[in-house]
């Protein structure tokens, strides 16, 4: 079926975060329970983060605070877990942890909505840490910034009604456009951060300029070609909202720069 032509008036109507995020987790990998799991993480700045899970909540301490909040966990591989804590104890914040039960490596991302919008700066900011867990001696490479995605072009299918294209422009920016969904015809170039976690596993985070939203994704570009992620942003009523995302990755190709390289 040929998609309908989008009118100029529809293109001018920029969608709010909660409008485009509705249903964007349809093809997400299933949730996992971490009940009975306890983790102590040592972050690369010398601080710590402790997590104790039951069936529905996690009691945590670190990053200058503590609390008990709901959590969302996905086993993206047999030995790699993606955990998001959509904080209720600290409004407008989320903590996302990716950890391996074999290498005992981890990454920690804190997303926070600033009190006020500032022109030219994404309202949702993010902080990043590499970490190790107390599950055993850490092995393998330390997670950190990666240029591996620069020049790659992928399509992401999150639901029958969500299809997006990403082009990874540099170590700081990516371009996106919506091919199917309420944002069809919309696109932009936003700030992004890419870290390599393990072979074929990349942490991809973006921070949008036009609306107050940021996201954390774990792209599995190995055999699985799946992505698991979360959003934090302000909805149409101006309230903080957490959403889940996930789906299939379809690589379209890549380019290589012959001489001068992107930043």
Protein backbone atom coordinates (compact mmCIF):
# COMPACT_ATOMS: atom_id res chain seq x y z
CA UNK A 1 0.00 0.00 0.00
CA UNK A 2 1.35 3.44 -0.93
CA UNK A 3 1.53 5.81 2.04
CA UNK A 4 -0.67 8.90 1.74
CA UNK A 5 0.96 12.18 0.82
CA UNK A 6 1.51 14.33 3.89
CA UNK A 7 0.12 17.87 3.57
CA UNK A 8 2.11 20.97 4.40
CA UNK A 9 -0.25 21.78 7.28
CA UNK A 10 0.38 18.37 8.84
CA UNK A 11 4.14 18.86 8.48
CA UNK A 12 3.91 22.18 10.31
CA UNK A 13 2.17 20.56 13.29
CA UNK A 14 5.10 19.42 15.42
CA UNK A 15 4.03 16.51 17.62
CA UNK A 16 4.53 16.39 21.37
CA UNK A 17 6.65 13.69 22.98
CA UNK A 18 3.72 11.70 24.37
CA UNK A 19 2.00 11.68 20.95
CA UNK A 20 4.88 10.07 19.08
CA UNK A 21 5.91 7.77 21.97
CA UNK A 22 2.50 6.07 22.26
CA UNK A 23 2.96 2.47 21.12
CA UNK A 24 6.65 2.82 20.31
CA UNK A 25 7.38 -0.21 22.54
CA UNK A 26 5.15 -2.63 20.58
CA UNK A 27 8.07 -4.70 19.22
CA UNK A 28 10.23 -4.32 22.33
CA UNK A 29 11.88 -7.37 23.86
CA UNK A 30 9.96 -8.77 26.87
CA UNK A 31 10.52 -7.53 30.39
CA UNK A 32 12.58 -9.54 32.88
CA UNK A 33 12.28 -9.77 36.65
CA UNK A 34 15.39 -9.02 38.71
CA UNK A 35 13.75 -10.07 41.98
CA UNK A 36 16.42 -11.10 44.49
CA UNK A 37 19.24 -9.41 42.55
CA UNK A 38 21.59 -6.98 44.29
CA UNK A 39 24.30 -4.99 42.50
CA UNK A 40 27.02 -2.71 43.76
CA UNK A 41 28.53 -0.61 40.99
CA UNK A 42 31.82 1.27 41.15
CA UNK A 43 31.67 4.26 38.79
CA UNK A 44 34.69 5.64 36.98
CA UNK A 45 34.61 8.91 38.95
CA UNK A 46 35.09 7.06 42.24
CA UNK A 47 31.43 7.13 43.29
CA UNK A 48 29.17 4.13 43.81
CA UNK A 49 25.63 3.05 42.99
CA UNK A 50 23.90 0.21 44.84
CA UNK A 51 20.74 -1.51 43.57
CA UNK A 52 18.56 -4.08 45.35
CA UNK A 53 15.62 -5.45 43.36
CA UNK A 54 12.38 -7.16 44.29
CA UNK A 55 9.59 -8.12 41.91
CA UNK A 56 8.38 -4.58 41.19
CA UNK A 57 10.78 -2.04 42.71
CA UNK A 58 14.46 -1.27 43.27
CA UNK A 59 15.97 0.30 46.37
CA UNK A 60 18.95 2.35 45.26
CA UNK A 61 21.63 4.60 46.70
CA UNK A 62 24.15 6.73 44.83
CA UNK A 63 24.60 9.75 42.55
CA UNK A 64 23.98 11.96 45.57
CA UNK A 65 20.59 10.51 46.51
CA UNK A 66 18.66 7.36 47.37
CA UNK A 67 15.15 6.02 47.09
CA UNK A 68 12.84 3.15 46.18
CA UNK A 69 11.32 3.29 42.71
CA UNK A 70 9.80 1.06 40.03
CA UNK A 71 12.17 -0.42 37.46
CA UNK A 72 12.02 -1.81 33.96
CA UNK A 73 14.49 -4.56 32.97
CA UNK A 74 15.17 -6.39 29.69
CA UNK A 75 17.65 -9.21 29.06
CA UNK A 76 19.00 -7.99 25.73
CA UNK A 77 21.40 -10.95 25.59
CA UNK A 78 21.86 -13.97 27.82
CA UNK A 79 24.49 -12.09 29.84
CA UNK A 80 23.53 -8.41 29.29
CA UNK A 81 20.70 -6.61 31.11
CA UNK A 82 19.20 -3.20 30.33
CA UNK A 83 17.63 -1.61 33.42
CA UNK A 84 15.80 1.69 33.60
CA UNK A 85 14.65 3.37 36.82
CA UNK A 86 11.96 5.97 36.01
CA UNK A 87 12.35 7.87 39.25
CA UNK A 88 9.25 8.76 41.20
CA UNK A 89 11.26 9.76 44.28
CA UNK A 90 13.09 12.45 42.23
CA UNK A 91 10.73 13.94 39.68
CA UNK A 92 12.10 14.68 36.18
CA UNK A 93 14.96 12.17 36.40
CA UNK A 94 15.78 8.65 35.25
CA UNK A 95 18.74 6.34 35.84
CA UNK A 96 19.58 3.73 33.20
CA UNK A 97 22.06 0.91 33.81
CA UNK A 98 23.43 -1.66 31.37
CA UNK A 99 25.48 -4.47 32.91
CA UNK A 100 27.05 -7.78 31.95
CA UNK A 101 27.00 -10.83 34.20
CA UNK A 102 30.09 -12.27 32.45
CA UNK A 103 32.45 -9.30 31.97
CA UNK A 104 31.08 -7.46 35.05
CA UNK A 105 31.26 -4.22 33.07
CA UNK A 106 28.47 -1.63 33.23
CA UNK A 107 27.39 1.78 32.04
CA UNK A 108 25.25 4.26 33.95
CA UNK A 109 23.27 7.11 32.36
CA UNK A 110 21.40 9.78 34.31
CA UNK A 111 18.81 11.78 32.34
CA UNK A 112 17.43 15.00 33.89
CA UNK A 113 14.92 17.60 32.75
CA UNK A 114 16.14 21.13 33.46
CA UNK A 115 13.80 23.47 35.32
CA UNK A 116 13.65 25.94 32.43
CA UNK A 117 14.18 25.74 28.68
CA UNK A 118 17.21 27.62 27.29
CA UNK A 119 17.37 28.49 23.61
CA UNK A 120 19.82 26.32 21.70
CA UNK A 121 20.32 23.80 24.52
CA UNK A 122 18.33 20.54 24.88
CA UNK A 123 16.20 20.79 28.02
CA UNK A 124 16.85 17.16 28.93
CA UNK A 125 20.53 16.59 29.72
CA UNK A 126 22.46 13.37 30.28
CA UNK A 127 25.51 12.24 32.28
CA UNK A 128 27.51 9.08 31.54
CA UNK A 129 29.71 6.76 33.58
CA UNK A 130 31.57 3.53 32.89
CA UNK A 131 31.35 1.17 35.86
CA UNK A 132 32.12 -2.30 37.16
CA UNK A 133 29.86 -4.56 39.20
CA UNK A 134 30.65 -6.59 42.29
CA UNK A 135 29.75 -9.84 40.50
CA UNK A 136 33.39 -10.72 39.83
CA UNK A 137 36.64 -9.48 38.32
CA UNK A 138 36.00 -7.15 35.38
CA UNK A 139 37.29 -8.40 32.02
CA UNK A 140 37.29 -7.08 28.47
CA UNK A 141 37.27 -3.51 27.24
CA UNK A 142 35.99 -0.63 29.36
CA UNK A 143 32.77 0.80 27.85
CA UNK A 144 33.34 4.24 26.39
CA UNK A 145 32.74 6.69 23.53
CA UNK A 146 32.79 5.12 20.07
CA UNK A 147 32.95 6.36 16.48
CA UNK A 148 31.84 3.01 15.07
CA UNK A 149 28.38 4.20 13.99
CA UNK A 150 29.57 7.29 12.07
CA UNK A 151 28.41 7.03 8.46
CA UNK A 152 25.90 4.24 9.13
CA UNK A 153 22.26 4.49 8.06
CA UNK A 154 19.60 2.32 9.72
CA UNK A 155 15.82 2.01 9.76
CA UNK A 156 14.08 1.23 13.07
CA UNK A 157 10.69 -0.49 13.18
CA UNK A 158 9.14 -0.04 16.63
CA UNK A 159 5.54 -0.98 15.77
CA UNK A 160 3.31 -1.36 12.71
CA UNK A 161 2.85 2.41 12.95
CA UNK A 162 6.37 3.57 13.93
CA UNK A 163 9.18 3.55 11.36
CA UNK A 164 12.18 5.88 11.69
CA UNK A 165 15.43 6.35 9.82
CA UNK A 166 18.69 7.33 11.57
CA UNK A 167 21.88 8.60 9.94
CA UNK A 168 24.85 8.85 12.29
CA UNK A 169 26.58 12.05 11.24
CA UNK A 170 29.43 12.49 13.73
CA UNK A 171 30.49 11.71 17.29
CA UNK A 172 28.10 14.44 18.46
CA UNK A 173 25.07 14.43 16.16
CA UNK A 174 22.67 12.20 14.29
CA UNK A 175 19.89 12.94 11.80
CA UNK A 176 16.47 11.33 11.89
CA UNK A 177 13.25 11.29 9.91
CA UNK A 178 9.92 9.60 10.47
CA UNK A 179 8.85 7.37 7.57
CA UNK A 180 5.63 6.09 9.18
CA UNK A 181 3.73 7.39 12.21
CA UNK A 182 2.31 10.60 13.62
CA UNK A 183 5.64 12.35 12.92
CA UNK A 184 5.69 11.29 9.25
CA UNK A 185 7.57 13.92 7.27
CA UNK A 186 9.23 15.34 10.36
CA UNK A 187 12.96 15.13 10.99
CA UNK A 188 15.85 16.96 12.58
CA UNK A 189 19.49 16.75 13.55
CA UNK A 190 20.00 16.41 17.30
CA UNK A 191 22.77 15.90 19.82
CA UNK A 192 23.76 12.27 20.37
CA UNK A 193 26.23 10.14 22.29
CA UNK A 194 27.41 6.65 21.29
CA UNK A 195 29.31 4.29 23.61
CA UNK A 196 30.48 0.80 22.74
CA UNK A 197 29.46 -1.63 25.47
CA UNK A 198 30.59 -4.93 23.93
CA UNK A 199 31.01 -6.49 20.49
CA UNK A 200 27.99 -5.41 18.47
CA UNK A 201 26.36 -3.63 21.44
CA UNK A 202 26.17 0.16 21.36
CA UNK A 203 24.61 2.57 23.81
CA UNK A 204 22.97 5.32 21.74
CA UNK A 205 21.54 8.39 23.47
CA UNK A 206 19.99 11.50 21.99
CA UNK A 207 18.83 14.89 23.26
CA UNK A 208 16.35 16.82 21.13
CA UNK A 209 16.35 20.56 20.56
CA UNK A 210 12.76 21.23 19.45
CA UNK A 211 10.98 19.41 22.26
CA UNK A 212 12.04 18.45 25.78
CA UNK A 213 12.90 14.77 25.36
CA UNK A 214 15.97 12.55 25.59
CA UNK A 215 16.39 8.83 25.13
CA UNK A 216 18.69 5.94 25.99
CA UNK A 217 18.90 2.95 23.65
CA UNK A 218 20.98 -0.20 23.53
CA UNK A 219 21.43 -1.22 19.90
CA UNK A 220 22.29 -4.88 19.32
CA UNK A 221 23.89 -4.77 15.89
CA UNK A 222 25.00 -8.40 16.10
CA UNK A 223 22.83 -11.30 14.96
CA UNK A 224 19.76 -10.10 16.84
CA UNK A 225 19.40 -6.65 15.23
CA UNK A 226 17.12 -5.39 18.01
CA UNK A 227 17.12 -2.20 20.05
CA UNK A 228 15.82 -1.56 23.58
CA UNK A 229 15.29 1.92 24.95
CA UNK A 230 13.52 4.50 27.09
CA UNK A 231 12.45 8.14 26.85
CA UNK A 232 12.27 10.92 29.42
CA UNK A 233 10.59 14.18 28.49
CA UNK A 234 7.81 16.69 28.99
CA UNK A 235 4.41 15.71 27.60
CA UNK A 236 1.85 18.01 26.00
CA UNK A 237 0.65 19.16 29.44
CA UNK A 238 4.20 20.07 30.50
CA UNK A 239 4.52 17.15 32.95
CA UNK A 240 7.49 14.80 33.16
CA UNK A 241 6.78 11.44 31.53
CA UNK A 242 8.72 8.18 31.14
CA UNK A 243 8.15 5.85 28.18
CA UNK A 244 9.62 2.60 26.91
CA UNK A 245 10.72 1.84 23.36
CA UNK A 246 12.15 -1.00 21.33
CA UNK A 247 12.03 -2.85 18.06
CA UNK A 248 13.86 -4.15 15.01
CA UNK A 249 16.93 -2.68 13.28
CA UNK A 250 17.29 -2.80 9.49
CA UNK A 251 20.73 -1.60 8.31
CA UNK A 252 20.56 0.32 5.02
CA UNK A 253 24.28 0.79 4.46
CA UNK A 254 27.16 3.07 5.38
CA UNK A 255 29.66 5.51 3.92
CA UNK A 256 33.34 6.06 4.60
CA UNK A 257 34.98 9.45 4.46
CA UNK A 258 38.08 9.45 2.22
CA UNK A 259 40.11 12.20 3.92
CA UNK A 260 38.66 14.79 6.33
CA UNK A 261 36.70 13.05 9.09
CA UNK A 262 33.66 14.23 11.09
CA UNK A 263 34.28 15.40 14.65
